[in-house]
PDB file of N, CA and C in Angstrom:
ATOM      1  N   UNK A   1     142.914 -99.824  48.314  1.00  0.00           N
ATOM      2  CA  UNK A   1     143.047 -98.462  47.825  1.00  0.00           C
ATOM      3  C   UNK A   1     142.163 -97.520  48.635  1.00  0.00           C
ATOM      4  N   UNK A   2     140.995 -98.004  49.035  1.00  0.00           N
ATOM      5  CA  UNK A   2     140.082 -97.149  49.800  1.00  0.00           C
ATOM      6  C   UNK A   2     140.657 -96.760  51.153  1.00  0.00           C
ATOM      7  N   UNK A   3     141.406 -97.653  51.764  1.00  0.00           N
ATOM      8  CA  UNK A   3     142.006 -97.361  53.075  1.00  0.00           C
ATOM      9  C   UNK A   3     142.921 -96.145  52.983  1.00  0.00           C
ATOM     10  N   UNK A   4     143.636 -96.019  51.873  1.00  0.00           N
ATOM     11  CA  UNK A   4     144.583 -94.917  51.683  1.00  0.00           C
ATOM     12  C   UNK A   4     143.980 -93.760  50.900  1.00  0.00           C
ATOM     13  N   UNK A   5     142.703 -93.847  50.573  1.00  0.00           N
ATOM     14  CA  UNK A   5     141.991 -92.783  49.855  1.00  0.00           C
ATOM     15  C   UNK A   5     142.593 -92.532  48.466  1.00  0.00           C
ATOM     16  N   UNK A   6     142.898 -93.634  47.755  1.00  0.00           N
ATOM     17  CA  UNK A   6     143.501 -93.560  46.424  1.00  0.00           C
ATOM     18  C   UNK A   6     142.516 -94.033  45.365  1.00  0.00           C
ATOM     19  N   UNK A   7     142.679 -93.500  44.158  1.00  0.00           N
ATOM     20  CA  UNK A   7     141.854 -93.913  43.026  1.00  0.00           C
ATOM     21  C   UNK A   7     142.752 -94.217  41.834  1.00  0.00           C
ATOM     22  N   UNK A   8     142.287 -95.106  40.969  1.00  0.00           N
ATOM     23  CA  UNK A   8     142.943 -95.360  39.684  1.00  0.00           C
ATOM     24  C   UNK A   8     142.470 -94.247  38.753  1.00  0.00           C
ATOM     25  N   UNK A   9     143.327 -93.269  38.516  1.00  0.00           N
ATOM     26  CA  UNK A   9     142.925 -92.042  37.836  1.00  0.00           C
ATOM     27  C   UNK A   9     142.500 -92.280  36.386  1.00  0.00           C
ATOM     28  N   UNK A  10     143.040 -93.309  35.722  1.00  0.00           N
ATOM     29  CA  UNK A  10     142.600 -93.627  34.351  1.00  0.00           C
ATOM     30  C   UNK A  10     141.113 -93.975  34.345  1.00  0.00           C
ATOM     31  N   UNK A  11     140.674 -94.745  35.314  1.00  0.00           N
ATOM     32  CA  UNK A  11     139.265 -95.138  35.370  1.00  0.00           C
ATOM     33  C   UNK A  11     138.372 -93.992  35.822  1.00  0.00           C
ATOM     34  N   UNK A  12     138.908 -93.095  36.632  1.00  0.00           N
ATOM     35  CA  UNK A  12     138.124 -91.930  37.063  1.00  0.00           C
ATOM     36  C   UNK A  12     137.907 -90.976  35.896  1.00  0.00           C
ATOM     37  N   UNK A  13     138.974 -90.678  35.163  1.00  0.00           N
ATOM     38  CA  UNK A  13     138.888 -89.725  34.047  1.00  0.00           C
ATOM     39  C   UNK A  13     138.222 -90.308  32.805  1.00  0.00           C
ATOM     40  N   UNK A  14     138.347 -91.619  32.596  1.00  0.00           N
ATOM     41  CA  UNK A  14     137.806 -92.274  31.400  1.00  0.00           C
ATOM     42  C   UNK A  14     137.048 -93.545  31.808  1.00  0.00           C
ATOM     43  N   UNK A  15     135.927 -93.405  32.476  1.00  0.00           N
ATOM     44  CA  UNK A  15     135.229 -94.590  33.004  1.00  0.00           C
ATOM     45  C   UNK A  15     134.657 -95.519  31.933  1.00  0.00           C
ATOM     46  N   UNK A  16     134.431 -95.030  30.731  1.00  0.00           N
ATOM     47  CA  UNK A  16     133.818 -95.849  29.685  1.00  0.00           C
ATOM     48  C   UNK A  16     134.806 -96.343  28.634  1.00  0.00           C
ATOM     49  N   UNK A  17     136.102 -96.115  28.873  1.00  0.00           N
ATOM     50  CA  UNK A  17     137.124 -96.536  27.918  1.00  0.00           C
ATOM     51  C   UNK A  17     137.944 -97.660  28.545  1.00  0.00           C
ATOM     52  N   UNK A  18     137.995 -98.806  27.865  1.00  0.00           N
ATOM     53  CA  UNK A  18     138.785 -99.937  28.340  1.00  0.00           C
ATOM     54  C   UNK A  18     140.094 -99.995  27.576  1.00  0.00           C
ATOM     55  N   UNK A  19     141.158 -99.470  28.191  1.00  0.00           N
ATOM     56  CA  UNK A  19     142.489 -99.555  27.609  1.00  0.00           C
ATOM     57  C   UNK A  19     143.326-100.445  28.515  1.00  0.00           C
ATOM     58  N   UNK A  20     144.188-101.251  27.908  1.00  0.00           N
ATOM     59  CA  UNK A  20     145.005-102.193  28.657  1.00  0.00           C
ATOM     60  C   UNK A  20     146.476-101.837  28.504  1.00  0.00           C
ATOM     61  N   UNK A  21     147.252-102.001  29.571  1.00  0.00           N
ATOM     62  CA  UNK A  21     148.669-101.661  29.524  1.00  0.00           C
ATOM     63  C   UNK A  21     149.548-102.872  29.218  1.00  0.00           C
ATOM     64  N   UNK A  22     148.960-104.057  29.211  1.00  0.00           N
ATOM     65  CA  UNK A  22     149.698-105.266  28.849  1.00  0.00           C
ATOM     66  C   UNK A  22     148.844-106.076  27.872  1.00  0.00           C
ATOM     67  N   UNK A  23     149.451-106.445  26.746  1.00  0.00           N
ATOM     68  CA  UNK A  23     148.741-107.236  25.735  1.00  0.00           C
ATOM     69  C   UNK A  23     149.669-108.351  25.273  1.00  0.00           C
ATOM     70  N   UNK A  24     149.208-109.594  25.428  1.00  0.00           N
ATOM     71  CA  UNK A  24     149.963-110.749  24.948  1.00  0.00           C
ATOM     72  C   UNK A  24     149.184-111.382  23.806  1.00  0.00           C
ATOM     73  N   UNK A  25     149.720-111.234  22.603  1.00  0.00           N
ATOM     74  CA  UNK A  25     149.058-111.840  21.440  1.00  0.00           C
ATOM     75  C   UNK A  25     149.172-113.360  21.491  1.00  0.00           C
ATOM     76  N   UNK A  26     150.310-113.865  21.964  1.00  0.00           N
ATOM     77  CA  UNK A  26     150.519-115.310  22.029  1.00  0.00           C
ATOM     78  C   UNK A  26     149.549-115.970  23.005  1.00  0.00           C
ATOM     79  N   UNK A  27     149.330-115.326  24.149  1.00  0.00           N
ATOM     80  CA  UNK A  27     148.428-115.884  25.163  1.00  0.00           C
ATOM     81  C   UNK A  27     146.992-115.395  25.004  1.00  0.00           C
ATOM     82  N   UNK A  28     146.788-114.469  24.074  1.00  0.00           N
ATOM     83  CA  UNK A  28     145.469-113.864  23.866  1.00  0.00           C
ATOM     84  C   UNK A  28     144.919-113.295  25.177  1.00  0.00           C
ATOM     85  N   UNK A  29     145.768-112.461  25.818  1.00  0.00           N
ATOM     86  CA  UNK A  29     145.422-111.917  27.122  1.00  0.00           C
ATOM     87  C   UNK A  29     145.700-110.414  27.156  1.00  0.00           C
ATOM     88  N   UNK A  30     144.816-109.688  27.848  1.00  0.00           N
ATOM     89  CA  UNK A  30     144.997-108.256  28.074  1.00  0.00           C
ATOM     90  C   UNK A  30     144.820-107.998  29.568  1.00  0.00           C
ATOM     91  N   UNK A  31     145.563-107.002  30.082  1.00  0.00           N
ATOM     92  CA  UNK A  31     145.471-106.721  31.509  1.00  0.00           C
ATOM     93  C   UNK A  31     145.832-105.269  31.779  1.00  0.00           C
ATOM     94  N   UNK A  32     145.349-104.746  32.917  1.00  0.00           N
ATOM     95  CA  UNK A  32     145.712-103.403  33.375  1.00  0.00           C
ATOM     96  C   UNK A  32     146.676-103.543  34.548  1.00  0.00           C
ATOM     97  N   UNK A  33     147.893-104.000  34.269  1.00  0.00           N
ATOM     98  CA  UNK A  33     148.842-104.216  35.350  1.00  0.00           C
ATOM     99  C   UNK A  33     149.621-102.946  35.703  1.00  0.00           C
ATOM    100  N   UNK A  34     149.597-101.958  34.853  1.00  0.00           N
ATOM    101  CA  UNK A  34     150.294-100.688  35.102  1.00  0.00           C
ATOM    102  C   UNK A  34     149.261 -99.583  35.208  1.00  0.00           C
ATOM    103  N   UNK A  35     149.324 -98.800  36.271  1.00  0.00           N
ATOM    104  CA  UNK A  35     148.364 -97.718  36.445  1.00  0.00           C
ATOM    105  C   UNK A  35     148.911 -96.702  37.440  1.00  0.00           C
ATOM    106  N   UNK A  36     148.281 -95.532  37.474  1.00  0.00           N
ATOM    107  CA  UNK A  36     148.631 -94.492  38.434  1.00  0.00           C
ATOM    108  C   UNK A  36     147.572 -94.444  39.524  1.00  0.00           C
ATOM    109  N   UNK A  37     148.027 -94.499  40.759  1.00  0.00           N
ATOM    110  CA  UNK A  37     147.129 -94.280  41.886  1.00  0.00           C
ATOM    111  C   UNK A  37     147.342 -92.848  42.355  1.00  0.00           C
ATOM    112  N   UNK A  38     146.245 -92.120  42.533  1.00  0.00           N
ATOM    113  CA  UNK A  38     146.307 -90.715  42.929  1.00  0.00           C
ATOM    114  C   UNK A  38     145.396 -90.525  44.129  1.00  0.00           C
ATOM    115  N   UNK A  39     145.837 -89.722  45.093  1.00  0.00           N
ATOM    116  CA  UNK A  39     144.983 -89.397  46.232  1.00  0.00           C
ATOM    117  C   UNK A  39     143.742 -88.671  45.714  1.00  0.00           C
ATOM    118  N   UNK A  40     142.602 -89.032  46.266  1.00  0.00           N
ATOM    119  CA  UNK A  40     141.335 -88.460  45.784  1.00  0.00           C
ATOM    120  C   UNK A  40     141.339 -86.932  45.803  1.00  0.00           C
ATOM    121  N   UNK A  41     141.947 -86.336  46.820  1.00  0.00           N
ATOM    122  CA  UNK A  41     141.942 -84.875  46.906  1.00  0.00           C
ATOM    123  C   UNK A  41     142.861 -84.213  45.877  1.00  0.00           C
ATOM    124  N   UNK A  42     143.664 -85.000  45.154  1.00  0.00           N
ATOM    125  CA  UNK A  42     144.546 -84.441  44.119  1.00  0.00           C
ATOM    126  C   UNK A  42     144.023 -84.657  42.706  1.00  0.00           C
ATOM    127  N   UNK A  43     142.891 -85.326  42.562  1.00  0.00           N
ATOM    128  CA  UNK A  43     142.370 -85.610  41.217  1.00  0.00           C
ATOM    129  C   UNK A  43     142.040 -84.336  40.444  1.00  0.00           C
ATOM    130  N   UNK A  44     141.724 -83.253  41.141  1.00  0.00           N
ATOM    131  CA  UNK A  44     141.402 -82.001  40.441  1.00  0.00           C
ATOM    132  C   UNK A  44     142.625 -81.422  39.717  1.00  0.00           C
ATOM    133  N   UNK A  45     143.832 -81.856  40.077  1.00  0.00           N
ATOM    134  CA  UNK A  45     145.050 -81.359  39.439  1.00  0.00           C
ATOM    135  C   UNK A  45     145.499 -82.219  38.258  1.00  0.00           C
ATOM    136  N   UNK A  46     144.841 -83.335  38.024  1.00  0.00           N
ATOM    137  CA  UNK A  46     145.203 -84.209  36.911  1.00  0.00           C
ATOM    138  C   UNK A  46     144.603 -83.637  35.631  1.00  0.00           C
ATOM    139  N   UNK A  47     145.481 -83.224  34.733  1.00  0.00           N
ATOM    140  CA  UNK A  47     145.049 -82.610  33.490  1.00  0.00           C
ATOM    141  C   UNK A  47     144.720 -83.674  32.443  1.00  0.00           C
ATOM    142  N   UNK A  48     145.565 -84.711  32.375  1.00  0.00           N
ATOM    143  CA  UNK A  48     145.376 -85.734  31.369  1.00  0.00           C
ATOM    144  C   UNK A  48     146.009 -87.038  31.845  1.00  0.00           C
ATOM    145  N   UNK A  49     145.386 -88.139  31.503  1.00  0.00           N
ATOM    146  CA  UNK A  49     145.947 -89.468  31.756  1.00  0.00           C
ATOM    147  C   UNK A  49     145.571 -90.348  30.576  1.00  0.00           C
ATOM    148  N   UNK A  50     146.528 -91.171  30.120  1.00  0.00           N
ATOM    149  CA  UNK A  50     146.264 -91.982  28.941  1.00  0.00           C
ATOM    150  C   UNK A  50     147.194 -93.188  28.925  1.00  0.00           C
ATOM    151  N   UNK A  51     146.775 -94.230  28.251  1.00  0.00           N
ATOM    152  CA  UNK A  51     147.594 -95.412  28.010  1.00  0.00           C
ATOM    153  C   UNK A  51     147.862 -95.440  26.514  1.00  0.00           C
ATOM    154  N   UNK A  52     149.168 -95.437  26.140  1.00  0.00           N
ATOM    155  CA  UNK A  52     149.551 -95.344  24.733  1.00  0.00           C
ATOM    156  C   UNK A  52     150.594 -96.399  24.392  1.00  0.00           C
ATOM    157  N   UNK A  53     150.800 -96.610  23.128  1.00  0.00           N
ATOM    158  CA  UNK A  53     151.818 -97.559  22.664  1.00  0.00           C
ATOM    159  C   UNK A  53     153.201 -97.126  23.128  1.00  0.00           C
ATOM    160  N   UNK A  54     154.079 -98.106  23.324  1.00  0.00           N
ATOM    161  CA  UNK A  54     155.459 -97.817  23.706  1.00  0.00           C
ATOM    162  C   UNK A  54     156.396 -98.669  22.853  1.00  0.00           C
ATOM    163  N   UNK A  55     157.687 -98.586  23.137  1.00  0.00           N
ATOM    164  CA  UNK A  55     158.655 -99.363  22.364  1.00  0.00           C
ATOM    165  C   UNK A  55     158.662-100.837  22.762  1.00  0.00           C
ATOM    166  N   UNK A  56     158.161-101.154  23.951  1.00  0.00           N
ATOM    167  CA  UNK A  56     158.076-102.552  24.377  1.00  0.00           C
ATOM    168  C   UNK A  56     156.948-103.237  23.596  1.00  0.00           C
ATOM    169  N   UNK A  57     157.163-104.434  23.118  1.00  0.00           N
ATOM    170  CA  UNK A  57     156.139-105.076  22.293  1.00  0.00           C
ATOM    171  C   UNK A  57     154.882-105.483  23.055  1.00  0.00           C
ATOM    172  N   UNK A  58     154.999-105.758  24.358  1.00  0.00           N
ATOM    173  CA  UNK A  58     153.830-106.244  25.084  1.00  0.00           C
ATOM    174  C   UNK A  58     153.296-105.265  26.132  1.00  0.00           C
ATOM    175  N   UNK A  59     154.094-104.297  26.535  1.00  0.00           N
ATOM    176  CA  UNK A  59     153.650-103.312  27.526  1.00  0.00           C
ATOM    177  C   UNK A  59     153.413-101.965  26.855  1.00  0.00           C
ATOM    178  N   UNK A  60     152.440-101.246  27.366  1.00  0.00           N
ATOM    179  CA  UNK A  60     152.171 -99.899  26.879  1.00  0.00           C
ATOM    180  C   UNK A  60     152.580 -98.903  27.952  1.00  0.00           C
ATOM    181  N   UNK A  61     152.686 -97.638  27.597  1.00  0.00           N
ATOM    182  CA  UNK A  61     153.092 -96.592  28.529  1.00  0.00           C
ATOM    183  C   UNK A  61     151.858 -95.924  29.130  1.00  0.00           C
ATOM    184  N   UNK A  62     151.956 -95.585  30.394  1.00  0.00           N
ATOM    185  CA  UNK A  62     150.890 -94.863  31.082  1.00  0.00           C
ATOM    186  C   UNK A  62     151.393 -93.442  31.301  1.00  0.00           C
ATOM    187  N   UNK A  63     150.670 -92.466  30.750  1.00  0.00           N
ATOM    188  CA  UNK A  63     151.060 -91.065  30.845  1.00  0.00           C
ATOM    189  C   UNK A  63     150.128 -90.329  31.796  1.00  0.00           C
ATOM    190  N   UNK A  64     150.704 -89.445  32.580  1.00  0.00           N
ATOM    191  CA  UNK A  64     149.933 -88.620  33.507  1.00  0.00           C
ATOM    192  C   UNK A  64     150.506 -87.214  33.475  1.00  0.00           C
ATOM    193  N   UNK A  65     149.644 -86.229  33.278  1.00  0.00           N
ATOM    194  CA  UNK A  65     150.105 -84.844  33.350  1.00  0.00           C
ATOM    195  C   UNK A  65     149.278 -84.113  34.407  1.00  0.00           C
ATOM    196  N   UNK A  66     149.981 -83.286  35.159  1.00  0.00           N
ATOM    197  CA  UNK A  66     149.364 -82.530  36.254  1.00  0.00           C
ATOM    198  C   UNK A  66     149.401 -81.050  35.937  1.00  0.00           C
ATOM    199  N   UNK A  67     148.452 -80.329  36.470  1.00  0.00           N
ATOM    200  CA  UNK A  67     148.424 -78.879  36.318  1.00  0.00           C
ATOM    201  C   UNK A  67     148.209 -78.274  37.691  1.00  0.00           C
ATOM    202  N   UNK A  68     149.269 -77.671  38.211  1.00  0.00           N
ATOM    203  CA  UNK A  68     149.191 -77.035  39.531  1.00  0.00           C
ATOM    204  C   UNK A  68     148.891 -75.561  39.353  1.00  0.00           C
ATOM    205  N   UNK A  69     147.935 -75.071  40.078  1.00  0.00           N
ATOM    206  CA  UNK A  69     147.631 -73.644  40.039  1.00  0.00           C
ATOM    207  C   UNK A  69     148.227 -72.988  41.266  1.00  0.00           C
ATOM    208  N   UNK A  70     148.694 -71.794  41.078  1.00  0.00           N
ATOM    209  CA  UNK A  70     149.251 -71.054  42.203  1.00  0.00           C
ATOM    210  C   UNK A  70     148.081 -70.398  42.942  1.00  0.00           C
ATOM    211  N   UNK A  71     147.914 -70.817  44.173  1.00  0.00           N
ATOM    212  CA  UNK A  71     146.804 -70.280  44.964  1.00  0.00           C
ATOM    213  C   UNK A  71     147.289 -69.132  45.833  1.00  0.00           C
ATOM    214  N   UNK A  72     146.440 -68.126  45.970  1.00  0.00           N
ATOM    215  CA  UNK A  72     146.794 -66.969  46.799  1.00  0.00           C
ATOM    216  C   UNK A  72     146.795 -67.374  48.263  1.00  0.00           C
ATOM    217  N   UNK A  73     147.729 -66.813  49.068  1.00  0.00           N
ATOM    218  CA  UNK A  73     147.791 -67.161  50.500  1.00  0.00           C
ATOM    219  C   UNK A  73     146.596 -66.684  51.291  1.00  0.00           C
TER     220      UNK A  73
END
């Protein structure tokens, strides 16, 4: 990720929160297999990122919202 100047934006925005996007109750396992990679220079445009429940029983949804500002020329 460093070679391409990318960051896992969930960990950047919420460094002290451990949320997992995959949970297997049968295997008693949790993992962060789904995530958003964002170029470091674009992190200022990320308004919100979160991992929330979804309709799939074992996978959760990863949400990302961006806020672009119109800059003067």
